[in-house]
Every structure is written in C-alpha cells, then in structure tokens.
Amino acid sequence: MESTHQPNAHSHPEHDACHAHEEAGACACATATQDARRQKTGIYLFSPSGAVPDPARLQQAKKNLKQLGFKVRIDKSAAVRSTRFAGTDKQRLKAFERAMRHEHPVVMATRGGYGLSRLLPQLDYKALADSGKQFVGHSDFTAFQMALLAQTGATSWAGPMALFDFGGKKVDDLTVDLFTEVLTGELEVLSFESSDADPVDERGLLWGGNLSVLVSLLGTPYFPNLDGILFLEDVNEHPYRVERMLIQLAQAGVLERQKAVLLGGFSDYRLSPHDAGYDFHEVLRWLRKNVAVPIVTGLPFGHQKVKATLPVGKQVGIATEDGMAYLLLHEHSH
C-alpha cells in the first residue's frame, strides 16, 4: 500500500522562506544558507545494482542536480550493462573504489533493482567507512547500507536515487529540500501524519530500509542485530508477502527487540478476488495483535514521489501525538 500520509511540516533552526508544496499538503522550507551549501556539495553517481535502462535519463538526472546547485560526476561505468546488471560484479566493485577516491563527498546510487547481494563478501567495509563518504540510496541499496552498518557501525543515508528522484522532467521540491537539509544537519525534526500510530516516545538507533532486501540478509554477517528504531518500505509486494516477511522478522526475534517500527510506503501491488477483503490493514491488525512493539505508519519514505532522507545508523527519537509523528533527527548540545 502506498502511503497517503505525507510530511506535514519539517523544521530547522532558521527559516528564510517557506514554500507550500500543495500536492503533498506539506511545507518545505528552503534557506539561503541551504542554497549556498548545495553549491559546495558534490555528488558522485554510480550504479552498484541493476543496469540503467535509459542512459538519457541518467543525463537528465545530472542536469537536474546541477540546476539545483550540486556539483555532479557520473562514474565511468554507471551506464554499462551486463545482462540485467550495471556491469559485471568486478566492474561494480571497481565503481565503489572510484567513488571512495573521488573528491565529491556524497555518493548516490543511480537506481536499485538487484545486484548488491552478490558483492557483499568482496567489499572493503573499513575502507568504505573510513572514506567518510555520505552514501545515499534506497531499495536494493539497503543491502549495502545494512552490511556497512553491521560490519563497521558507519552511518549512511536512506534517501533519493538519481533515476527515480532526479531523472524526470520535474523534480519534487520537498524531496530535494529534505535531502539537502538532512545531509547538512539543518533538519531537526521530520513531522508527518500518522493517524493510527501507536503511542510512543523513544530513542534508539535508526536502521532498516527495503523489507525484502532486509529479510534476505537474515542469518548472514550483513544483518545488523540491533535493538533500535526499525523503518521499512517495499514495492510490488502483495500484503500477504509483506506479512510473511514481517512474521519472519518477528519469529527471528528481531521485531520485539525494537523500540518502534516505522512503516513507509508499500506501493504498487494488486489484490485479487481471493483476498476477500484482506489488505494492508489486516497485516497491521495481525502485527499489532501478535508483536509487542509500537507501530508508526505514514513515514514519507519508499518508492514514492515524496521521499525523506533518513540517517541510517544514527541515534534518533520518535514520538507520536494527536495523529502526528515526530522523528527527531538532530539535537543541539546544551
């Protein structure tokens, strides 16, 4: 089910201007400081998973990002294809090495698909963590983010990718603002509607991502065995398959160890007459009845137009009140 809840507001210390984002029913705040920081931020685009289906779209993403003020470099093998993959396993491993060596601080995946699971045993996680790069992506990129966290404890960013979020004729303003503000540490609280959220006020390490990819890592050295705040999303997965994966996480003892579970978008699935009323609400009902962990719905993250950028592996807070949820991303020292 694609989440219909969108972020209602987000806040940081200073606001020079606030622009209404009518379609999302949200308020995105851009500052002169933010625009200046974009001018200094370099993004390195690489393809660690599936092949780029349309190289022209990758060039459009570069153009859009540059127009937004970012410096952009595309990895030399970003548009290479080897069957369904963006190059051979060796070529994609080399792309990680080039990304680490390049001067641009932000390393963003062009797209997801499938392919990172093949590479996990060959990656040098210490070197990747020590590089200080801000790795950004979602979907299949979850495999790398979870492996990096499990192996080193290093932070990465669950957020936009080049093709999906920047490769069209129009770019979502709120997604861009959230991306910029989170990376620069300006965004303190991400607020979003969550009409059926369980009461919660907790702190913990934020981790998670794509549910299918996360579950595929169970029992491997690349699954972080964390007691924290788990966020999940997925696409093209029928509610019964989502439920089955959640049951696997529950029966593996993962869910009940969490302070809270945040659910983002579960989009692009089709029900059949056989479902007879079974939908995502039934999944939530079962989960709440059988797993003792607070559930918060409506997280603006997933395979959807409006996408927050989330710090994977960082201490955050989550609180709910009166149909709203508040994800505390950054605290000032007092």
C-alpha atoms as a PDB file:
ATOM      1  CA  MET A   1       0.000   0.000   0.000  1.00  0.00           C
ATOM      2  CA  GLU A   2       1.448   3.332  -0.988  1.00  0.00           C
ATOM      3  CA  SER A   3       1.369   5.665   1.967  1.00  0.00           C
ATOM      4  CA  THR A   4      -1.078   8.525   1.597  1.00  0.00           C
ATOM      5  CA  HIS A   5       0.345  10.258   4.647  1.00  0.00           C
ATOM      6  CA  GLN A   6       2.791  12.979   3.722  1.00  0.00           C
ATOM      7  CA  PRO A   7       5.091  15.056   5.899  1.00  0.00           C
ATOM      8  CA  ASN A   8       3.037  17.881   7.298  1.00  0.00           C
ATOM      9  CA  ALA A   9       5.953  20.032   8.367  1.00  0.00           C
ATOM     10  CA  HIS A  10       9.619  19.899   8.978  1.00  0.00           C
ATOM     11  CA  SER A  11      11.691  22.263  10.990  1.00  0.00           C
ATOM     12  CA  HIS A  12      15.208  23.531  11.459  1.00  0.00           C
ATOM     13  CA  PRO A  13      16.608  26.485  13.397  1.00  0.00           C
ATOM     14  CA  GLU A  14      16.302  29.199  10.788  1.00  0.00           C
ATOM     15  CA  HIS A  15      13.712  29.803   8.088  1.00  0.00           C
ATOM     16  CA  ASP A  16      14.233  32.416   5.422  1.00  0.00           C
ATOM     17  CA  ALA A  17      11.357  31.281   3.267  1.00  0.00           C
ATOM     18  CA  CYS A  18       8.640  28.680   3.408  1.00  0.00           C
ATOM     19  CA  HIS A  19       7.197  27.315   0.180  1.00  0.00           C
ATOM     20  CA  ALA A  20       3.912  25.438   0.112  1.00  0.00           C
ATOM     21  CA  HIS A  21       4.110  22.031  -1.502  1.00  0.00           C
ATOM     22  CA  GLU A  22       0.457  21.776  -2.480  1.00  0.00           C
ATOM     23  CA  GLU A  23       0.362  18.288  -3.909  1.00  0.00           C
ATOM     24  CA  ALA A  24       1.859  16.739  -0.794  1.00  0.00           C
ATOM     25  CA  GLY A  25      -0.005  19.041   1.572  1.00  0.00           C
ATOM     26  CA  ALA A  26       3.350  19.863   3.072  1.00  0.00           C
ATOM     27  CA  CYS A  27       5.538  22.806   3.852  1.00  0.00           C
ATOM     28  CA  ALA A  28       9.107  22.749   2.588  1.00  0.00           C
ATOM     29  CA  CYS A  29      11.447  25.354   3.949  1.00  0.00           C
ATOM     30  CA  ALA A  30      14.431  26.489   1.904  1.00  0.00           C
ATOM     31  CA  THR A  31      17.060  28.830   3.225  1.00  0.00           C
ATOM     32  CA  ALA A  32      19.722  30.966   1.613  1.00  0.00           C
ATOM     33  CA  THR A  33      22.255  29.009   3.673  1.00  0.00           C
ATOM     34  CA  GLN A  34      20.913  25.778   2.240  1.00  0.00           C
ATOM     35  CA  ASP A  35      21.233  27.049  -1.329  1.00  0.00           C
ATOM     36  CA  ALA A  36      24.806  28.132  -0.656  1.00  0.00           C
ATOM     37  CA  ARG A  37      25.682  24.716   0.756  1.00  0.00           C
ATOM     38  CA  ARG A  38      24.314  22.990  -2.324  1.00  0.00           C
ATOM     39  CA  GLN A  39      26.769  24.992  -4.404  1.00  0.00           C
ATOM     40  CA  LYS A  40      29.591  23.389  -2.451  1.00  0.00           C
ATOM     41  CA  THR A  41      28.194  19.832  -2.346  1.00  0.00           C
ATOM     42  CA  GLY A  42      29.474  17.330  -4.893  1.00  0.00           C
ATOM     43  CA  ILE A  43      27.531  14.169  -5.768  1.00  0.00           C
ATOM     44  CA  TYR A  44      29.151  11.111  -7.347  1.00  0.00           C
ATOM     45  CA  LEU A  45      26.624   8.937  -9.206  1.00  0.00           C
ATOM     46  CA  PHE A  46      27.369   5.224  -9.567  1.00  0.00           C
ATOM     47  CA  SER A  47      25.452   2.047 -10.412  1.00  0.00           C
ATOM     48  CA  PRO A  48      26.047  -0.760  -7.885  1.00  0.00           C
ATOM     49  CA  SER A  49      22.950  -2.814  -8.750  1.00  0.00           C
ATOM     50  CA  GLY A  50      20.691  -3.010 -11.804  1.00  0.00           C
ATOM     51  CA  ALA A  51      21.521  -1.707 -15.256  1.00  0.00           C
ATOM     52  CA  VAL A  52      20.405   1.798 -16.176  1.00  0.00           C
ATOM     53  CA  PRO A  53      17.568   1.186 -18.676  1.00  0.00           C
ATOM     54  CA  ASP A  54      17.761   4.618 -20.278  1.00  0.00           C
ATOM     55  CA  PRO A  55      21.127   6.449 -20.226  1.00  0.00           C
ATOM     56  CA  ALA A  56      19.367   9.650 -21.338  1.00  0.00           C
ATOM     57  CA  ARG A  57      17.507   9.620 -18.024  1.00  0.00           C
ATOM     58  CA  LEU A  58      20.823   9.492 -16.195  1.00  0.00           C
ATOM     59  CA  GLN A  59      21.989  12.563 -18.093  1.00  0.00           C
ATOM     60  CA  GLN A  60      18.701  14.267 -17.216  1.00  0.00           C
ATOM     61  CA  ALA A  61      19.341  13.488 -13.538  1.00  0.00           C
ATOM     62  CA  LYS A  62      22.788  15.066 -13.822  1.00  0.00           C
ATOM     63  CA  LYS A  63      21.287  18.140 -15.477  1.00  0.00           C
ATOM     64  CA  ASN A  64      18.577  18.481 -12.820  1.00  0.00           C
ATOM     65  CA  LEU A  65      21.014  18.079  -9.942  1.00  0.00           C
ATOM     66  CA  LYS A  66      23.349  20.674 -11.438  1.00  0.00           C
ATOM     67  CA  GLN A  67      20.440  23.088 -11.876  1.00  0.00           C
ATOM     68  CA  LEU A  68      19.667  22.570  -8.178  1.00  0.00           C
ATOM     69  CA  GLY A  69      23.185  23.726  -7.384  1.00  0.00           C
ATOM     70  CA  PHE A  70      25.033  20.444  -6.842  1.00  0.00           C
ATOM     71  CA  LYS A  71      28.309  19.511  -8.495  1.00  0.00           C
ATOM     72  CA  VAL A  72      27.845  16.150 -10.252  1.00  0.00           C
ATOM     73  CA  ARG A  73      30.176  13.458 -11.565  1.00  0.00           C
ATOM     74  CA  ILE A  74      28.911  10.255 -13.210  1.00  0.00           C
ATOM     75  CA  ASP A  75      31.036   7.143 -12.714  1.00  0.00           C
ATOM     76  CA  LYS A  76      32.526   5.870 -15.971  1.00  0.00           C
ATOM     77  CA  SER A  77      30.721   2.522 -15.746  1.00  0.00           C
ATOM     78  CA  ALA A  78      27.387   3.886 -14.494  1.00  0.00           C
ATOM     79  CA  ALA A  79      25.616   3.117 -17.788  1.00  0.00           C
ATOM     80  CA  VAL A  80      27.391  -0.181 -18.524  1.00  0.00           C
ATOM     81  CA  ARG A  81      25.223  -3.286 -18.889  1.00  0.00           C
ATOM     82  CA  SER A  82      25.999  -6.958 -18.251  1.00  0.00           C
ATOM     83  CA  THR A  83      22.730  -8.914 -18.593  1.00  0.00           C
ATOM     84  CA  ARG A  84      20.422  -7.273 -16.020  1.00  0.00           C
ATOM     85  CA  PHE A  85      23.269  -5.730 -14.035  1.00  0.00           C
ATOM     86  CA  ALA A  86      25.145  -2.415 -14.312  1.00  0.00           C
ATOM     87  CA  GLY A  87      28.302  -4.222 -15.361  1.00  0.00           C
ATOM     88  CA  THR A  88      29.939  -7.395 -14.135  1.00  0.00           C
ATOM     89  CA  ASP A  89      30.451  -7.954 -10.425  1.00  0.00           C
ATOM     90  CA  LYS A  90      34.091  -6.876 -10.856  1.00  0.00           C
ATOM     91  CA  GLN A  91      33.090  -3.691 -12.687  1.00  0.00           C
ATOM     92  CA  ARG A  92      30.614  -2.744  -9.989  1.00  0.00           C
ATOM     93  CA  LEU A  93      33.169  -3.395  -7.240  1.00  0.00           C
ATOM     94  CA  LYS A  94      35.594  -1.106  -9.080  1.00  0.00           C
ATOM     95  CA  ALA A  95      32.888   1.575  -9.143  1.00  0.00           C
ATOM     96  CA  PHE A  96      32.838   1.523  -5.318  1.00  0.00           C
ATOM     97  CA  GLU A  97      36.611   2.053  -5.307  1.00  0.00           C
ATOM     98  CA  ARG A  98      36.371   5.016  -7.682  1.00  0.00           C
ATOM     99  CA  ALA A  99      33.563   6.521  -5.618  1.00  0.00           C
ATOM    100  CA  MET A 100      35.720   6.312  -2.485  1.00  0.00           C
ATOM    101  CA  ARG A 101      38.652   8.027  -4.192  1.00  0.00           C
ATOM    102  CA  HIS A 102      36.675  10.827  -5.829  1.00  0.00           C
ATOM    103  CA  GLU A 103      36.584  14.225  -4.151  1.00  0.00           C
ATOM    104  CA  HIS A 104      32.776  14.522  -4.089  1.00  0.00           C
ATOM    105  CA  PRO A 105      31.532  13.806  -0.535  1.00  0.00           C
ATOM    106  CA  VAL A 106      28.117  12.395  -1.479  1.00  0.00           C
ATOM    107  CA  VAL A 107      27.934   9.032  -3.284  1.00  0.00           C
ATOM    108  CA  MET A 108      24.475   8.320  -4.698  1.00  0.00           C
ATOM    109  CA  ALA A 109      23.207   5.163  -6.389  1.00  0.00           C
ATOM    110  CA  THR A 110      21.640   5.706  -9.797  1.00  0.00           C
ATOM    111  CA  ARG A 111      18.987   3.043  -9.130  1.00  0.00           C
ATOM    112  CA  GLY A 112      18.184  -0.162  -7.267  1.00  0.00           C
ATOM    113  CA  GLY A 113      16.889  -3.362  -8.838  1.00  0.00           C
ATOM    114  CA  TYR A 114      19.084  -6.267  -7.777  1.00  0.00           C
ATOM    115  CA  GLY A 115      22.793  -6.949  -7.616  1.00  0.00           C
ATOM    116  CA  LEU A 116      24.369  -5.737  -4.378  1.00  0.00           C
ATOM    117  CA  SER A 117      23.876  -9.052  -2.566  1.00  0.00           C
ATOM    118  CA  ARG A 118      26.444 -10.580  -4.935  1.00  0.00           C
ATOM    119  CA  LEU A 119      29.054  -8.017  -3.935  1.00  0.00           C
ATOM    120  CA  LEU A 120      28.740  -8.012  -0.135  1.00  0.00           C
ATOM    121  CA  PRO A 121      31.536 -10.527   0.633  1.00  0.00           C
ATOM    122  CA  GLN A 122      34.021  -8.644  -1.605  1.00  0.00           C
ATOM    123  CA  LEU A 123      33.538  -5.098  -0.292  1.00  0.00           C
ATOM    124  CA  ASP A 124      36.152  -3.473   1.957  1.00  0.00           C
ATOM    125  CA  TYR A 125      33.853  -2.097   4.642  1.00  0.00           C
ATOM    126  CA  LYS A 126      36.580  -0.500   6.740  1.00  0.00           C
ATOM    127  CA  ALA A 127      37.853   1.448   3.739  1.00  0.00           C
ATOM    128  CA  LEU A 128      34.305   2.449   2.818  1.00  0.00           C
ATOM    129  CA  ALA A 129      33.618   3.656   6.355  1.00  0.00           C
ATOM    130  CA  ASP A 130      36.976   5.420   6.651  1.00  0.00           C
ATOM    131  CA  SER A 131      36.375   7.241   3.347  1.00  0.00           C
ATOM    132  CA  GLY A 132      33.885   9.488   5.130  1.00  0.00           C
ATOM    133  CA  LYS A 133      31.594   9.429   2.098  1.00  0.00           C
ATOM    134  CA  GLN A 134      27.871  10.038   2.544  1.00  0.00           C
ATOM    135  CA  PHE A 135      26.377   7.026   0.756  1.00  0.00           C
ATOM    136  CA  VAL A 136      22.772   7.655  -0.347  1.00  0.00           C
ATOM    137  CA  GLY A 137      20.118   5.365  -1.829  1.00  0.00           C
ATOM    138  CA  HIS A 138      17.198   3.046  -1.156  1.00  0.00           C
ATOM    139  CA  SER A 139      15.641  -0.183  -2.470  1.00  0.00           C
ATOM    140  CA  ASP A 140      18.451  -2.670  -3.308  1.00  0.00           C
ATOM    141  CA  PHE A 141      20.937  -0.212  -1.782  1.00  0.00           C
ATOM    142  CA  THR A 142      19.558  -1.391   1.584  1.00  0.00           C
ATOM    143  CA  ALA A 143      21.824  -4.456   1.260  1.00  0.00           C
ATOM    144  CA  PHE A 144      24.952  -2.294   1.217  1.00  0.00           C
ATOM    145  CA  GLN A 145      23.692   0.025   3.953  1.00  0.00           C
ATOM    146  CA  MET A 146      22.887  -2.844   6.295  1.00  0.00           C
ATOM    147  CA  ALA A 147      26.213  -4.574   5.577  1.00  0.00           C
ATOM    148  CA  LEU A 148      28.151  -1.344   6.208  1.00  0.00           C
ATOM    149  CA  LEU A 149      26.289  -0.845   9.479  1.00  0.00           C
ATOM    150  CA  ALA A 150      26.715  -4.461  10.590  1.00  0.00           C
ATOM    151  CA  GLN A 151      30.416  -4.569   9.727  1.00  0.00           C
ATOM    152  CA  THR A 152      31.538  -1.111  10.902  1.00  0.00           C
ATOM    153  CA  GLY A 153      28.701   0.811  12.572  1.00  0.00           C
ATOM    154  CA  ALA A 154      29.135   3.575   9.978  1.00  0.00           C
ATOM    155  CA  THR A 155      26.241   5.879   9.093  1.00  0.00           C
ATOM    156  CA  SER A 156      24.746   6.080   5.603  1.00  0.00           C
ATOM    157  CA  TRP A 157      21.639   7.755   4.218  1.00  0.00           C
ATOM    158  CA  ALA A 158      18.404   6.157   3.078  1.00  0.00           C
ATOM    159  CA  GLY A 159      17.184   8.632   0.519  1.00  0.00           C
ATOM    160  CA  PRO A 160      16.726   9.541  -3.129  1.00  0.00           C
ATOM    161  CA  MET A 161      18.430   7.996  -6.148  1.00  0.00           C
ATOM    162  CA  ALA A 162      19.383   9.576  -9.449  1.00  0.00           C
ATOM    163  CA  LEU A 163      16.927   7.987 -11.878  1.00  0.00           C
ATOM    164  CA  PHE A 164      13.776   7.714  -9.774  1.00  0.00           C
ATOM    165  CA  ASP A 165      14.001  11.032  -7.973  1.00  0.00           C
ATOM    166  CA  PHE A 166      16.023  13.280 -10.283  1.00  0.00           C
ATOM    167  CA  GLY A 167      15.744  11.706 -13.735  1.00  0.00           C
ATOM    168  CA  GLY A 168      12.372  13.122 -14.796  1.00  0.00           C
ATOM    169  CA  LYS A 169      11.370  16.435 -16.277  1.00  0.00           C
ATOM    170  CA  LYS A 170      10.204  17.619 -12.863  1.00  0.00           C
ATOM    171  CA  VAL A 171      11.889  17.093  -9.511  1.00  0.00           C
ATOM    172  CA  ASP A 172       9.889  17.000  -6.274  1.00  0.00           C
ATOM    173  CA  ASP A 173      10.787  20.138  -4.304  1.00  0.00           C
ATOM    174  CA  LEU A 174      10.122  18.644  -0.891  1.00  0.00           C
ATOM    175  CA  THR A 175      12.300  15.592  -1.580  1.00  0.00           C
ATOM    176  CA  VAL A 176      15.138  17.918  -2.613  1.00  0.00           C
ATOM    177  CA  ASP A 177      14.754  20.155   0.440  1.00  0.00           C
ATOM    178  CA  LEU A 178      14.648  17.214   2.843  1.00  0.00           C
ATOM    179  CA  PHE A 179      17.703  15.685   1.148  1.00  0.00           C
ATOM    180  CA  THR A 180      19.704  18.906   1.431  1.00  0.00           C
ATOM    181  CA  GLU A 181      18.656  19.724   4.988  1.00  0.00           C
ATOM    182  CA  VAL A 182      19.312  16.263   6.391  1.00  0.00           C
ATOM    183  CA  LEU A 183      22.755  15.966   4.797  1.00  0.00           C
ATOM    184  CA  THR A 184      23.777  19.385   6.128  1.00  0.00           C
ATOM    185  CA  GLY A 185      22.336  18.717   9.593  1.00  0.00           C
ATOM    186  CA  GLU A 186      19.821  21.570   9.326  1.00  0.00           C
ATOM    187  CA  LEU A 187      16.701  19.438   9.707  1.00  0.00           C
ATOM    188  CA  GLU A 188      15.989  18.726  13.368  1.00  0.00           C
ATOM    189  CA  VAL A 189      12.537  17.148  13.268  1.00  0.00           C
ATOM    190  CA  LEU A 190      10.698  15.343  10.470  1.00  0.00           C
ATOM    191  CA  SER A 191       6.962  15.609  11.199  1.00  0.00           C
ATOM    192  CA  PHE A 192       4.385  13.507   9.361  1.00  0.00           C
ATOM    193  CA  GLU A 193       0.753  12.479   9.644  1.00  0.00           C
ATOM    194  CA  SER A 194       0.187   9.087  11.273  1.00  0.00           C
ATOM    195  CA  SER A 195      -3.495   8.782  12.092  1.00  0.00           C
ATOM    196  CA  ASP A 196      -3.311   5.253  13.546  1.00  0.00           C
ATOM    197  CA  ALA A 197       0.133   5.348  15.179  1.00  0.00           C
ATOM    198  CA  ASP A 198       0.651   3.610  18.488  1.00  0.00           C
ATOM    199  CA  PRO A 199       1.676   5.869  21.393  1.00  0.00           C
ATOM    200  CA  VAL A 200       5.458   6.037  21.567  1.00  0.00           C
ATOM    201  CA  ASP A 201       8.225   8.292  22.868  1.00  0.00           C
ATOM    202  CA  GLU A 202      11.542   6.515  22.417  1.00  0.00           C
ATOM    203  CA  ARG A 203      15.175   6.996  21.415  1.00  0.00           C
ATOM    204  CA  GLY A 204      17.267   4.490  19.510  1.00  0.00           C
ATOM    205  CA  LEU A 205      19.492   3.699  16.558  1.00  0.00           C
ATOM    206  CA  LEU A 206      17.653   4.140  13.239  1.00  0.00           C
ATOM    207  CA  TRP A 207      18.087   1.266  10.794  1.00  0.00           C
ATOM    208  CA  GLY A 208      16.200  -0.586   8.074  1.00  0.00           C
ATOM    209  CA  GLY A 209      15.088   0.092   4.524  1.00  0.00           C
ATOM    210  CA  ASN A 210      13.550  -2.212   1.938  1.00  0.00           C
ATOM    211  CA  LEU A 211      11.785  -5.084   3.690  1.00  0.00           C
ATOM    212  CA  SER A 212      12.507  -7.774   1.064  1.00  0.00           C
ATOM    213  CA  VAL A 213      16.207  -6.925   0.961  1.00  0.00           C
ATOM    214  CA  LEU A 214      16.456  -6.700   4.741  1.00  0.00           C
ATOM    215  CA  VAL A 215      14.871 -10.132   5.248  1.00  0.00           C
ATOM    216  CA  SER A 216      17.208 -11.638   2.623  1.00  0.00           C
ATOM    217  CA  LEU A 217      20.139 -10.739   4.909  1.00  0.00           C
ATOM    218  CA  LEU A 218      18.847 -12.606   7.974  1.00  0.00           C
ATOM    219  CA  GLY A 219      21.388 -15.172   9.151  1.00  0.00           C
ATOM    220  CA  THR A 220      24.271 -13.511   7.286  1.00  0.00           C
ATOM    221  CA  PRO A 221      27.140 -11.354   8.615  1.00  0.00           C
ATOM    222  CA  TYR A 222      25.484  -8.411   6.867  1.00  0.00           C
ATOM    223  CA  PHE A 223      22.369  -8.251   9.043  1.00  0.00           C
ATOM    224  CA  PRO A 224      22.696  -5.747  11.917  1.00  0.00           C
ATOM    225  CA  ASN A 225      21.447  -7.360  15.110  1.00  0.00           C
ATOM    226  CA  LEU A 226      20.214  -4.098  16.588  1.00  0.00           C
ATOM    227  CA  ASP A 227      17.781  -3.031  19.263  1.00  0.00           C
ATOM    228  CA  GLY A 228      16.683   0.295  17.832  1.00  0.00           C
ATOM    229  CA  ILE A 229      14.103   2.012  15.674  1.00  0.00           C
ATOM    230  CA  LEU A 230      13.419  -0.013  12.532  1.00  0.00           C
ATOM    231  CA  PHE A 231      11.956   1.565   9.381  1.00  0.00           C
ATOM    232  CA  LEU A 232      10.561  -0.468   6.480  1.00  0.00           C
ATOM    233  CA  GLU A 233       9.141   0.015   2.981  1.00  0.00           C
ATOM    234  CA  ASP A 234       8.582  -2.087  -0.135  1.00  0.00           C
ATOM    235  CA  VAL A 235       7.179  -2.089  -3.661  1.00  0.00           C
ATOM    236  CA  ASN A 236       5.389  -4.675  -5.823  1.00  0.00           C
ATOM    237  CA  GLU A 237       4.831  -6.918  -2.806  1.00  0.00           C
ATOM    238  CA  HIS A 238       1.327  -8.227  -2.058  1.00  0.00           C
ATOM    239  CA  PRO A 239       0.224  -7.642   1.556  1.00  0.00           C
ATOM    240  CA  TYR A 240       0.391 -11.381   2.326  1.00  0.00           C
ATOM    241  CA  ARG A 241       4.051 -11.433   1.275  1.00  0.00           C
ATOM    242  CA  VAL A 242       4.705  -8.334   3.380  1.00  0.00           C
ATOM    243  CA  GLU A 243       3.020 -10.096   6.297  1.00  0.00           C
ATOM    244  CA  ARG A 244       5.071 -13.244   5.737  1.00  0.00           C
ATOM    245  CA  MET A 245       8.317 -11.247   5.829  1.00  0.00           C
ATOM    246  CA  LEU A 246       7.217  -9.397   8.956  1.00  0.00           C
ATOM    247  CA  ILE A 247       6.391 -12.743  10.555  1.00  0.00           C
ATOM    248  CA  GLN A 248       9.880 -13.960   9.677  1.00  0.00           C
ATOM    249  CA  LEU A 249      11.398 -10.908  11.386  1.00  0.00           C
ATOM    250  CA  ALA A 250       9.123 -11.476  14.375  1.00  0.00           C
ATOM    251  CA  GLN A 251       9.886 -15.188  14.646  1.00  0.00           C
ATOM    252  CA  ALA A 252      13.611 -14.446  14.317  1.00  0.00           C
ATOM    253  CA  GLY A 253      13.260 -12.271  17.412  1.00  0.00           C
ATOM    254  CA  VAL A 254      14.008  -9.022  15.588  1.00  0.00           C
ATOM    255  CA  LEU A 255      10.767  -7.059  15.884  1.00  0.00           C
ATOM    256  CA  GLU A 256      10.139  -7.343  19.616  1.00  0.00           C
ATOM    257  CA  ARG A 257      13.657  -6.036  20.328  1.00  0.00           C
ATOM    258  CA  GLN A 258      12.858  -2.728  18.606  1.00  0.00           C
ATOM    259  CA  LYS A 259      11.804   0.462  20.379  1.00  0.00           C
ATOM    260  CA  ALA A 260       9.421   1.120  17.465  1.00  0.00           C
ATOM    261  CA  VAL A 261       8.769   0.057  13.872  1.00  0.00           C
ATOM    262  CA  LEU A 262       8.157   2.830  11.332  1.00  0.00           C
ATOM    263  CA  LEU A 263       6.302   1.866   8.159  1.00  0.00           C
ATOM    264  CA  GLY A 264       6.746   3.868   4.968  1.00  0.00           C
ATOM    265  CA  GLY A 265       5.211   3.245   1.564  1.00  0.00           C
ATOM    266  CA  PHE A 266       4.123  -0.232   0.472  1.00  0.00           C
ATOM    267  CA  SER A 267       3.164   0.518  -3.096  1.00  0.00           C
ATOM    268  CA  ASP A 268       2.212  -0.941  -6.486  1.00  0.00           C
ATOM    269  CA  TYR A 269       0.574  -4.220  -5.521  1.00  0.00           C
ATOM    270  CA  ARG A 270      -2.640  -5.756  -6.821  1.00  0.00           C
ATOM    271  CA  LEU A 271      -5.332  -7.505  -4.838  1.00  0.00           C
ATOM    272  CA  SER A 272      -7.421 -10.359  -6.255  1.00  0.00           C
ATOM    273  CA  PRO A 273     -10.963 -11.629  -5.564  1.00  0.00           C
ATOM    274  CA  HIS A 274      -9.352 -14.393  -3.486  1.00  0.00           C
ATOM    275  CA  ASP A 275      -8.193 -11.775  -0.948  1.00  0.00           C
ATOM    276  CA  ALA A 276     -11.831 -11.178   0.016  1.00  0.00           C
ATOM    277  CA  GLY A 277     -11.145  -8.004   1.968  1.00  0.00           C
ATOM    278  CA  TYR A 278      -7.633  -8.910   3.100  1.00  0.00           C
ATOM    279  CA  ASP A 279      -5.443  -5.837   2.610  1.00  0.00           C
ATOM    280  CA  PHE A 280      -2.643  -3.961   4.328  1.00  0.00           C
ATOM    281  CA  HIS A 281      -4.938  -3.027   7.228  1.00  0.00           C
ATOM    282  CA  GLU A 282      -5.219  -6.751   8.030  1.00  0.00           C
ATOM    283  CA  VAL A 283      -1.422  -7.022   8.078  1.00  0.00           C
ATOM    284  CA  LEU A 284      -1.259  -4.171  10.589  1.00  0.00           C
ATOM    285  CA  ARG A 285      -4.047  -5.671  12.681  1.00  0.00           C
ATOM    286  CA  TRP A 286      -2.221  -9.013  12.891  1.00  0.00           C
ATOM    287  CA  LEU A 287       1.097  -7.349  13.630  1.00  0.00           C
ATOM    288  CA  ARG A 288      -0.304  -5.270  16.470  1.00  0.00           C
ATOM    289  CA  LYS A 289      -2.089  -8.262  17.965  1.00  0.00           C
ATOM    290  CA  ASN A 290       0.922 -10.573  17.874  1.00  0.00           C
ATOM    291  CA  VAL A 291       4.043  -8.424  18.239  1.00  0.00           C
ATOM    292  CA  ALA A 292       4.678  -6.240  21.276  1.00  0.00           C
ATOM    293  CA  VAL A 293       6.245  -3.251  19.522  1.00  0.00           C
ATOM    294  CA  PRO A 294       4.809   0.214  18.766  1.00  0.00           C
ATOM    295  CA  ILE A 295       3.910   0.643  15.083  1.00  0.00           C
ATOM    296  CA  VAL A 296       4.043   4.058  13.406  1.00  0.00           C
ATOM    297  CA  THR A 297       2.617   4.356   9.883  1.00  0.00           C
ATOM    298  CA  GLY A 298       2.921   7.120   7.303  1.00  0.00           C
ATOM    299  CA  LEU A 299       6.705   7.572   7.210  1.00  0.00           C
ATOM    300  CA  PRO A 300       7.345   9.532   3.979  1.00  0.00           C
ATOM    301  CA  PHE A 301       9.826   7.041   2.596  1.00  0.00           C
ATOM    302  CA  GLY A 302       9.733   4.358  -0.071  1.00  0.00           C
ATOM    303  CA  HIS A 303       9.132   4.014  -3.784  1.00  0.00           C
ATOM    304  CA  GLN A 304       7.068   7.191  -3.879  1.00  0.00           C
ATOM    305  CA  LYS A 305       7.296  10.768  -5.086  1.00  0.00           C
ATOM    306  CA  VAL A 306       7.858  12.486  -1.742  1.00  0.00           C
ATOM    307  CA  LYS A 307      10.824  10.882  -0.028  1.00  0.00           C
ATOM    308  CA  ALA A 308      12.572  11.836   3.183  1.00  0.00           C
ATOM    309  CA  THR A 309      16.305  11.281   3.659  1.00  0.00           C
ATOM    310  CA  LEU A 310      16.993   9.242   6.789  1.00  0.00           C
ATOM    311  CA  PRO A 311      20.253   8.764   8.727  1.00  0.00           C
ATOM    312  CA  VAL A 312      20.853   5.005   8.878  1.00  0.00           C
ATOM    313  CA  GLY A 313      22.876   4.048  11.929  1.00  0.00           C
ATOM    314  CA  LYS A 314      22.319   7.274  13.850  1.00  0.00           C
ATOM    315  CA  GLN A 315      20.596   7.827  17.193  1.00  0.00           C
ATOM    316  CA  VAL A 316      17.152   9.358  16.656  1.00  0.00           C
ATOM    317  CA  GLY A 317      13.953   9.868  18.597  1.00  0.00           C
ATOM    318  CA  ILE A 318      10.359   9.006  17.675  1.00  0.00           C
ATOM    319  CA  ALA A 319       7.246  10.366  19.343  1.00  0.00           C
ATOM    320  CA  THR A 320       3.559  10.368  18.416  1.00  0.00           C
ATOM    321  CA  GLU A 321       0.713  12.636  19.473  1.00  0.00           C
ATOM    322  CA  ASP A 322      -2.734  13.551  18.100  1.00  0.00           C
ATOM    323  CA  GLY A 323      -2.390  11.856  14.721  1.00  0.00           C
ATOM    324  CA  MET A 324       1.137  13.122  14.146  1.00  0.00           C
ATOM    325  CA  ALA A 325       4.552  11.510  14.385  1.00  0.00           C
ATOM    326  CA  TYR A 326       7.807  13.330  15.064  1.00  0.00           C
ATOM    327  CA  LEU A 327      11.155  11.846  14.082  1.00  0.00           C
ATOM    328  CA  LEU A 328      13.911  13.709  15.928  1.00  0.00           C
ATOM    329  CA  LEU A 329      16.933  13.631  13.644  1.00  0.00           C
ATOM    330  CA  HIS A 330      19.280  16.102  15.244  1.00  0.00           C
ATOM    331  CA  GLU A 331      19.669  17.503  18.723  1.00  0.00           C
ATOM    332  CA  HIS A 332      21.610  20.620  19.647  1.00  0.00           C
ATOM    333  CA  SER A 333      24.019  20.206  22.515  1.00  0.00           C
ATOM    334  CA  HIS A 334      23.044  22.292  25.531  1.00  0.00           C
END
